[in-house]
Amino acid sequence: MSNEKKPLTDETVEFEPTGPTGNAYWILGMTTRALKRSGHADQVEEYNRRATSGNYDNLLAVTREYVNLVEV
């Protein structure tokens, strides 16, 4: 059994860490869109606050709590 927590939504956000989709603003925007699309618009403000409260690694860790973040 895995200790990994399931994200809030089943939405998936794919990104390339060294490409344009690895940009922090792109990840924030796509995750915000995914939250709204999945009926979790009420979580957007909290997500943005938490995701922008640290460095890039924090952004990725927090984003993984809300969506399936997949590196391509």
PDB file of N, CA and C in Angstrom:
ATOM      1  N   MET A   1       0.837  -1.179   0.000  1.00  0.00           N
ATOM      2  CA  MET A   1       0.000   0.000   0.000  1.00  0.00           C
ATOM      3  C   MET A   1       0.885   1.246   0.000  1.00  0.00           C
ATOM      4  N   SER A   2       0.561   2.186  -0.842  1.00  0.00           N
ATOM      5  CA  SER A   2       1.352   3.395  -0.988  1.00  0.00           C
ATOM      6  C   SER A   2       0.993   4.425   0.076  1.00  0.00           C
ATOM      7  N   ASN A   3       1.991   5.166   0.539  1.00  0.00           N
ATOM      8  CA  ASN A   3       1.760   6.243   1.490  1.00  0.00           C
ATOM      9  C   ASN A   3       1.413   7.547   0.790  1.00  0.00           C
ATOM     10  N   GLU A   4       1.445   7.549  -0.536  1.00  0.00           N
ATOM     11  CA  GLU A   4       1.189   8.748  -1.298  1.00  0.00           C
ATOM     12  C   GLU A   4      -0.295   9.094  -1.243  1.00  0.00           C
ATOM     13  N   LYS A   5      -0.587  10.355  -0.904  1.00  0.00           N
ATOM     14  CA  LYS A   5      -1.976  10.800  -0.827  1.00  0.00           C
ATOM     15  C   LYS A   5      -2.529  11.038  -2.223  1.00  0.00           C
ATOM     16  N   LYS A   6      -3.797  10.749  -2.392  1.00  0.00           N
ATOM     17  CA  LYS A   6      -4.480  10.994  -3.653  1.00  0.00           C
ATOM     18  C   LYS A   6      -4.773  12.492  -3.762  1.00  0.00           C
ATOM     19  N   PRO A   7      -4.565  13.075  -4.950  1.00  0.00           N
ATOM     20  CA  PRO A   7      -4.858  14.501  -5.110  1.00  0.00           C
ATOM     21  C   PRO A   7      -6.356  14.794  -4.942  1.00  0.00           C
ATOM     22  N   LEU A   8      -6.666  16.048  -4.699  1.00  0.00           N
ATOM     23  CA  LEU A   8      -8.044  16.481  -4.526  1.00  0.00           C
ATOM     24  C   LEU A   8      -8.910  16.142  -5.733  1.00  0.00           C
ATOM     25  N   THR A   9      -8.365  16.289  -6.951  1.00  0.00           N
ATOM     26  CA  THR A   9      -9.124  16.033  -8.176  1.00  0.00           C
ATOM     27  C   THR A   9      -8.477  14.917  -8.986  1.00  0.00           C
ATOM     28  N   ASP A  10      -9.204  14.425  -9.974  1.00  0.00           N
ATOM     29  CA  ASP A  10      -8.653  13.452 -10.917  1.00  0.00           C
ATOM     30  C   ASP A  10      -8.040  14.141 -12.127  1.00  0.00           C
ATOM     31  N   GLU A  11      -8.054  15.463 -12.141  1.00  0.00           N
ATOM     32  CA  GLU A  11      -7.495  16.231 -13.254  1.00  0.00           C
ATOM     33  C   GLU A  11      -5.982  16.008 -13.342  1.00  0.00           C
ATOM     34  N   THR A  12      -5.464  16.041 -14.562  1.00  0.00           N
ATOM     35  CA  THR A  12      -4.032  15.876 -14.787  1.00  0.00           C
ATOM     36  C   THR A  12      -3.462  17.128 -15.444  1.00  0.00           C
ATOM     37  N   VAL A  13      -2.336  17.585 -14.953  1.00  0.00           N
ATOM     38  CA  VAL A  13      -1.591  18.697 -15.545  1.00  0.00           C
ATOM     39  C   VAL A  13      -0.228  18.142 -15.924  1.00  0.00           C
ATOM     40  N   GLU A  14       0.095  18.191 -17.220  1.00  0.00           N
ATOM     41  CA  GLU A  14       1.401  17.729 -17.704  1.00  0.00           C
ATOM     42  C   GLU A  14       2.312  18.933 -17.885  1.00  0.00           C
ATOM     43  N   PHE A  15       3.600  18.765 -17.543  1.00  0.00           N
ATOM     44  CA  PHE A  15       4.549  19.856 -17.703  1.00  0.00           C
ATOM     45  C   PHE A  15       5.922  19.317 -18.037  1.00  0.00           C
ATOM     46  N   GLU A  16       6.704  20.153 -18.702  1.00  0.00           N
ATOM     47  CA  GLU A  16       8.111  19.864 -18.990  1.00  0.00           C
ATOM     48  C   GLU A  16       8.944  20.790 -18.120  1.00  0.00           C
ATOM     49  N   PRO A  17       9.712  20.253 -17.198  1.00  0.00           N
ATOM     50  CA  PRO A  17      10.452  21.125 -16.290  1.00  0.00           C
ATOM     51  C   PRO A  17      11.436  22.065 -16.990  1.00  0.00           C
ATOM     52  N   THR A  18      11.948  21.679 -18.131  1.00  0.00           N
ATOM     53  CA  THR A  18      12.905  22.545 -18.831  1.00  0.00           C
ATOM     54  C   THR A  18      12.277  23.237 -20.037  1.00  0.00           C
ATOM     55  N   GLY A  19      10.988  23.093 -20.220  1.00  0.00           N
ATOM     56  CA  GLY A  19      10.306  23.713 -21.351  1.00  0.00           C
ATOM     57  C   GLY A  19       9.365  24.806 -20.893  1.00  0.00           C
ATOM     58  N   PRO A  20       8.631  25.383 -21.835  1.00  0.00           N
ATOM     59  CA  PRO A  20       7.729  26.483 -21.498  1.00  0.00           C
ATOM     60  C   PRO A  20       6.606  26.070 -20.544  1.00  0.00           C
ATOM     61  N   THR A  21       6.226  24.796 -20.542  1.00  0.00           N
ATOM     62  CA  THR A  21       5.168  24.360 -19.635  1.00  0.00           C
ATOM     63  C   THR A  21       5.689  24.121 -18.229  1.00  0.00           C
ATOM     64  N   GLY A  22       6.990  24.281 -18.018  1.00  0.00           N
ATOM     65  CA  GLY A  22       7.566  24.173 -16.682  1.00  0.00           C
ATOM     66  C   GLY A  22       7.589  25.495 -15.951  1.00  0.00           C
ATOM     67  N   ASN A  23       7.146  26.538 -16.620  1.00  0.00           N
ATOM     68  CA  ASN A  23       7.078  27.866 -16.036  1.00  0.00           C
ATOM     69  C   ASN A  23       6.081  27.856 -14.877  1.00  0.00           C
ATOM     70  N   ALA A  24       6.453  28.452 -13.766  1.00  0.00           N
ATOM     71  CA  ALA A  24       5.594  28.444 -12.580  1.00  0.00           C
ATOM     72  C   ALA A  24       4.219  29.049 -12.860  1.00  0.00           C
ATOM     73  N   TYR A  25       4.177  30.119 -13.626  1.00  0.00           N
ATOM     74  CA  TYR A  25       2.893  30.756 -13.930  1.00  0.00           C
ATOM     75  C   TYR A  25       2.015  29.844 -14.774  1.00  0.00           C
ATOM     76  N   TRP A  26       2.614  29.081 -15.667  1.00  0.00           N
ATOM     77  CA  TRP A  26       1.849  28.146 -16.498  1.00  0.00           C
ATOM     78  C   TRP A  26       1.241  27.058 -15.615  1.00  0.00           C
ATOM     79  N   ILE A  27       2.041  26.519 -14.709  1.00  0.00           N
ATOM     80  CA  ILE A  27       1.550  25.471 -13.808  1.00  0.00           C
ATOM     81  C   ILE A  27       0.425  26.011 -12.923  1.00  0.00           C
ATOM     82  N   LEU A  28       0.601  27.207 -12.379  1.00  0.00           N
ATOM     83  CA  LEU A  28      -0.452  27.822 -11.567  1.00  0.00           C
ATOM     84  C   LEU A  28      -1.738  27.989 -12.370  1.00  0.00           C
ATOM     85  N   GLY A  29      -1.620  28.491 -13.580  1.00  0.00           N
ATOM     86  CA  GLY A  29      -2.791  28.723 -14.417  1.00  0.00           C
ATOM     87  C   GLY A  29      -3.511  27.445 -14.799  1.00  0.00           C
ATOM     88  N   MET A  30      -2.768  26.439 -15.200  1.00  0.00           N
ATOM     89  CA  MET A  30      -3.383  25.178 -15.605  1.00  0.00           C
ATOM     90  C   MET A  30      -4.028  24.468 -14.410  1.00  0.00           C
ATOM     91  N   THR A  31      -3.408  24.572 -13.253  1.00  0.00           N
ATOM     92  CA  THR A  31      -3.982  23.953 -12.059  1.00  0.00           C
ATOM     93  C   THR A  31      -5.242  24.694 -11.633  1.00  0.00           C
ATOM     94  N   THR A  32      -5.221  26.009 -11.692  1.00  0.00           N
ATOM     95  CA  THR A  32      -6.416  26.800 -11.392  1.00  0.00           C
ATOM     96  C   THR A  32      -7.553  26.417 -12.328  1.00  0.00           C
ATOM     97  N   ARG A  33      -7.247  26.302 -13.597  1.00  0.00           N
ATOM     98  CA  ARG A  33      -8.258  25.905 -14.588  1.00  0.00           C
ATOM     99  C   ARG A  33      -8.803  24.505 -14.270  1.00  0.00           C
ATOM    100  N   ALA A  34      -7.920  23.589 -13.916  1.00  0.00           N
ATOM    101  CA  ALA A  34      -8.343  22.219 -13.593  1.00  0.00           C
ATOM    102  C   ALA A  34      -9.234  22.188 -12.353  1.00  0.00           C
ATOM    103  N   LEU A  35      -8.902  22.992 -11.358  1.00  0.00           N
ATOM    104  CA  LEU A  35      -9.729  23.040 -10.158  1.00  0.00           C
ATOM    105  C   LEU A  35     -11.129  23.562 -10.478  1.00  0.00           C
ATOM    106  N   LYS A  36     -11.201  24.603 -11.272  1.00  0.00           N
ATOM    107  CA  LYS A  36     -12.504  25.163 -11.652  1.00  0.00           C
ATOM    108  C   LYS A  36     -13.303  24.160 -12.479  1.00  0.00           C
ATOM    109  N   ARG A  37     -12.635  23.516 -13.429  1.00  0.00           N
ATOM    110  CA  ARG A  37     -13.297  22.559 -14.313  1.00  0.00           C
ATOM    111  C   ARG A  37     -13.857  21.371 -13.529  1.00  0.00           C
ATOM    112  N   SER A  38     -13.196  20.996 -12.456  1.00  0.00           N
ATOM    113  CA  SER A  38     -13.611  19.827 -11.687  1.00  0.00           C
ATOM    114  C   SER A  38     -14.559  20.176 -10.539  1.00  0.00           C
ATOM    115  N   GLY A  39     -15.013  21.425 -10.489  1.00  0.00           N
ATOM    116  CA  GLY A  39     -15.967  21.819  -9.457  1.00  0.00           C
ATOM    117  C   GLY A  39     -15.353  22.218  -8.134  1.00  0.00           C
ATOM    118  N   HIS A  40     -14.065  22.549  -8.148  1.00  0.00           N
ATOM    119  CA  HIS A  40     -13.375  22.932  -6.918  1.00  0.00           C
ATOM    120  C   HIS A  40     -12.901  24.381  -6.960  1.00  0.00           C
ATOM    121  N   ALA A  41     -13.714  25.251  -7.540  1.00  0.00           N
ATOM    122  CA  ALA A  41     -13.347  26.672  -7.632  1.00  0.00           C
ATOM    123  C   ALA A  41     -13.118  27.282  -6.253  1.00  0.00           C
ATOM    124  N   ASP A  42     -13.775  26.735  -5.245  1.00  0.00           N
ATOM    125  CA  ASP A  42     -13.611  27.230  -3.884  1.00  0.00           C
ATOM    126  C   ASP A  42     -12.211  26.963  -3.329  1.00  0.00           C
ATOM    127  N   GLN A  43     -11.431  26.118  -3.979  1.00  0.00           N
ATOM    128  CA  GLN A  43     -10.078  25.784  -3.533  1.00  0.00           C
ATOM    129  C   GLN A  43      -8.992  26.633  -4.203  1.00  0.00           C
ATOM    130  N   VAL A  44      -9.373  27.413  -5.208  1.00  0.00           N
ATOM    131  CA  VAL A  44      -8.389  28.149  -6.006  1.00  0.00           C
ATOM    132  C   VAL A  44      -7.587  29.142  -5.161  1.00  0.00           C
ATOM    133  N   GLU A  45      -8.244  29.926  -4.343  1.00  0.00           N
ATOM    134  CA  GLU A  45      -7.541  30.933  -3.543  1.00  0.00           C
ATOM    135  C   GLU A  45      -6.532  30.273  -2.598  1.00  0.00           C
ATOM    136  N   GLU A  46      -6.958  29.216  -1.919  1.00  0.00           N
ATOM    137  CA  GLU A  46      -6.057  28.512  -1.004  1.00  0.00           C
ATOM    138  C   GLU A  46      -4.887  27.889  -1.773  1.00  0.00           C
ATOM    139  N   TYR A  47      -5.186  27.259  -2.915  1.00  0.00           N
ATOM    140  CA  TYR A  47      -4.121  26.674  -3.728  1.00  0.00           C
ATOM    141  C   TYR A  47      -3.092  27.730  -4.107  1.00  0.00           C
ATOM    142  N   ASN A  48      -3.551  28.846  -4.649  1.00  0.00           N
ATOM    143  CA  ASN A  48      -2.625  29.904  -5.080  1.00  0.00           C
ATOM    144  C   ASN A  48      -1.804  30.451  -3.925  1.00  0.00           C
ATOM    145  N   ARG A  49      -2.426  30.630  -2.780  1.00  0.00           N
ATOM    146  CA  ARG A  49      -1.699  31.128  -1.604  1.00  0.00           C
ATOM    147  C   ARG A  49      -0.604  30.152  -1.192  1.00  0.00           C
ATOM    148  N   ARG A  50      -0.953  28.886  -1.092  1.00  0.00           N
ATOM    149  CA  ARG A  50       0.013  27.870  -0.659  1.00  0.00           C
ATOM    150  C   ARG A  50       1.096  27.639  -1.703  1.00  0.00           C
ATOM    151  N   ALA A  51       0.707  27.580  -2.974  1.00  0.00           N
ATOM    152  CA  ALA A  51       1.656  27.261  -4.046  1.00  0.00           C
ATOM    153  C   ALA A  51       2.684  28.374  -4.255  1.00  0.00           C
ATOM    154  N   THR A  52       2.314  29.600  -3.944  1.00  0.00           N
ATOM    155  CA  THR A  52       3.232  30.724  -4.145  1.00  0.00           C
ATOM    156  C   THR A  52       3.942  31.143  -2.861  1.00  0.00           C
ATOM    157  N   SER A  53       3.812  30.363  -1.812  1.00  0.00           N
ATOM    158  CA  SER A  53       4.416  30.732  -0.531  1.00  0.00           C
ATOM    159  C   SER A  53       5.852  30.237  -0.362  1.00  0.00           C
ATOM    160  N   GLY A  54       6.410  29.653  -1.402  1.00  0.00           N
ATOM    161  CA  GLY A  54       7.774  29.134  -1.299  1.00  0.00           C
ATOM    162  C   GLY A  54       8.451  29.103  -2.652  1.00  0.00           C
ATOM    163  N   ASN A  55       9.389  28.199  -2.798  1.00  0.00           N
ATOM    164  CA  ASN A  55      10.150  28.077  -4.032  1.00  0.00           C
ATOM    165  C   ASN A  55       9.448  27.150  -5.040  1.00  0.00           C
ATOM    166  N   TYR A  56      10.126  26.870  -6.139  1.00  0.00           N
ATOM    167  CA  TYR A  56       9.566  26.048  -7.214  1.00  0.00           C
ATOM    168  C   TYR A  56       9.229  24.637  -6.725  1.00  0.00           C
ATOM    169  N   ASP A  57      10.081  24.071  -5.871  1.00  0.00           N
ATOM    170  CA  ASP A  57       9.807  22.738  -5.335  1.00  0.00           C
ATOM    171  C   ASP A  57       8.530  22.744  -4.493  1.00  0.00           C
ATOM    172  N   ASN A  58       8.311  23.819  -3.744  1.00  0.00           N
ATOM    173  CA  ASN A  58       7.076  23.962  -2.980  1.00  0.00           C
ATOM    174  C   ASN A  58       5.878  24.025  -3.924  1.00  0.00           C
ATOM    175  N   LEU A  59       5.999  24.782  -5.002  1.00  0.00           N
ATOM    176  CA  LEU A  59       4.929  24.875  -5.998  1.00  0.00           C
ATOM    177  C   LEU A  59       4.546  23.488  -6.495  1.00  0.00           C
ATOM    178  N   LEU A  60       5.523  22.681  -6.846  1.00  0.00           N
ATOM    179  CA  LEU A  60       5.250  21.341  -7.362  1.00  0.00           C
ATOM    180  C   LEU A  60       4.616  20.456  -6.288  1.00  0.00           C
ATOM    181  N   ALA A  61       5.124  20.519  -5.066  1.00  0.00           N
ATOM    182  CA  ALA A  61       4.591  19.693  -3.986  1.00  0.00           C
ATOM    183  C   ALA A  61       3.137  20.051  -3.678  1.00  0.00           C
ATOM    184  N   VAL A  62       2.840  21.329  -3.591  1.00  0.00           N
ATOM    185  CA  VAL A  62       1.475  21.763  -3.307  1.00  0.00           C
ATOM    186  C   VAL A  62       0.558  21.403  -4.472  1.00  0.00           C
ATOM    187  N   THR A  63       1.026  21.606  -5.688  1.00  0.00           N
ATOM    188  CA  THR A  63       0.207  21.298  -6.866  1.00  0.00           C
ATOM    189  C   THR A  63      -0.167  19.825  -6.883  1.00  0.00           C
ATOM    190  N   ARG A  64       0.749  18.967  -6.484  1.00  0.00           N
ATOM    191  CA  ARG A  64       0.469  17.519  -6.450  1.00  0.00           C
ATOM    192  C   ARG A  64      -0.621  17.156  -5.440  1.00  0.00           C
ATOM    193  N   GLU A  65      -0.903  18.028  -4.505  1.00  0.00           N
ATOM    194  CA  GLU A  65      -1.995  17.790  -3.555  1.00  0.00           C
ATOM    195  C   GLU A  65      -3.365  18.052  -4.192  1.00  0.00           C
ATOM    196  N   TYR A  66      -3.371  18.790  -5.284  1.00  0.00           N
ATOM    197  CA  TYR A  66      -4.639  19.202  -5.909  1.00  0.00           C
ATOM    198  C   TYR A  66      -4.924  18.495  -7.232  1.00  0.00           C
ATOM    199  N   VAL A  67      -3.895  18.189  -8.007  1.00  0.00           N
ATOM    200  CA  VAL A  67      -4.067  17.532  -9.305  1.00  0.00           C
ATOM    201  C   VAL A  67      -2.973  16.481  -9.499  1.00  0.00           C
ATOM    202  N   ASN A  68      -3.161  15.640 -10.490  1.00  0.00           N
ATOM    203  CA  ASN A  68      -2.110  14.702 -10.892  1.00  0.00           C
ATOM    204  C   ASN A  68      -1.117  15.489 -11.732  1.00  0.00           C
ATOM    205  N   LEU A  69       0.027  15.818 -11.178  1.00  0.00           N
ATOM    206  CA  LEU A  69       1.055  16.586 -11.867  1.00  0.00           C
ATOM    207  C   LEU A  69       2.027  15.602 -12.491  1.00  0.00           C
ATOM    208  N   VAL A  70       2.100  15.603 -13.821  1.00  0.00           N
ATOM    209  CA  VAL A  70       2.890  14.607 -14.553  1.00  0.00           C
ATOM    210  C   VAL A  70       3.992  15.308 -15.332  1.00  0.00           C
ATOM    211  N   GLU A  71       5.221  14.886 -15.088  1.00  0.00           N
ATOM    212  CA  GLU A  71       6.372  15.414 -15.815  1.00  0.00           C
ATOM    213  C   GLU A  71       6.522  14.636 -17.116  1.00  0.00           C
ATOM    214  N   VAL A  72       6.588  15.369 -18.242  1.00  0.00           N
ATOM    215  CA  VAL A  72       6.754  14.709 -19.549  1.00  0.00           C
ATOM    216  C   VAL A  72       8.078  15.065 -20.177  1.00  0.00           C
TER     217      VAL A  72
END
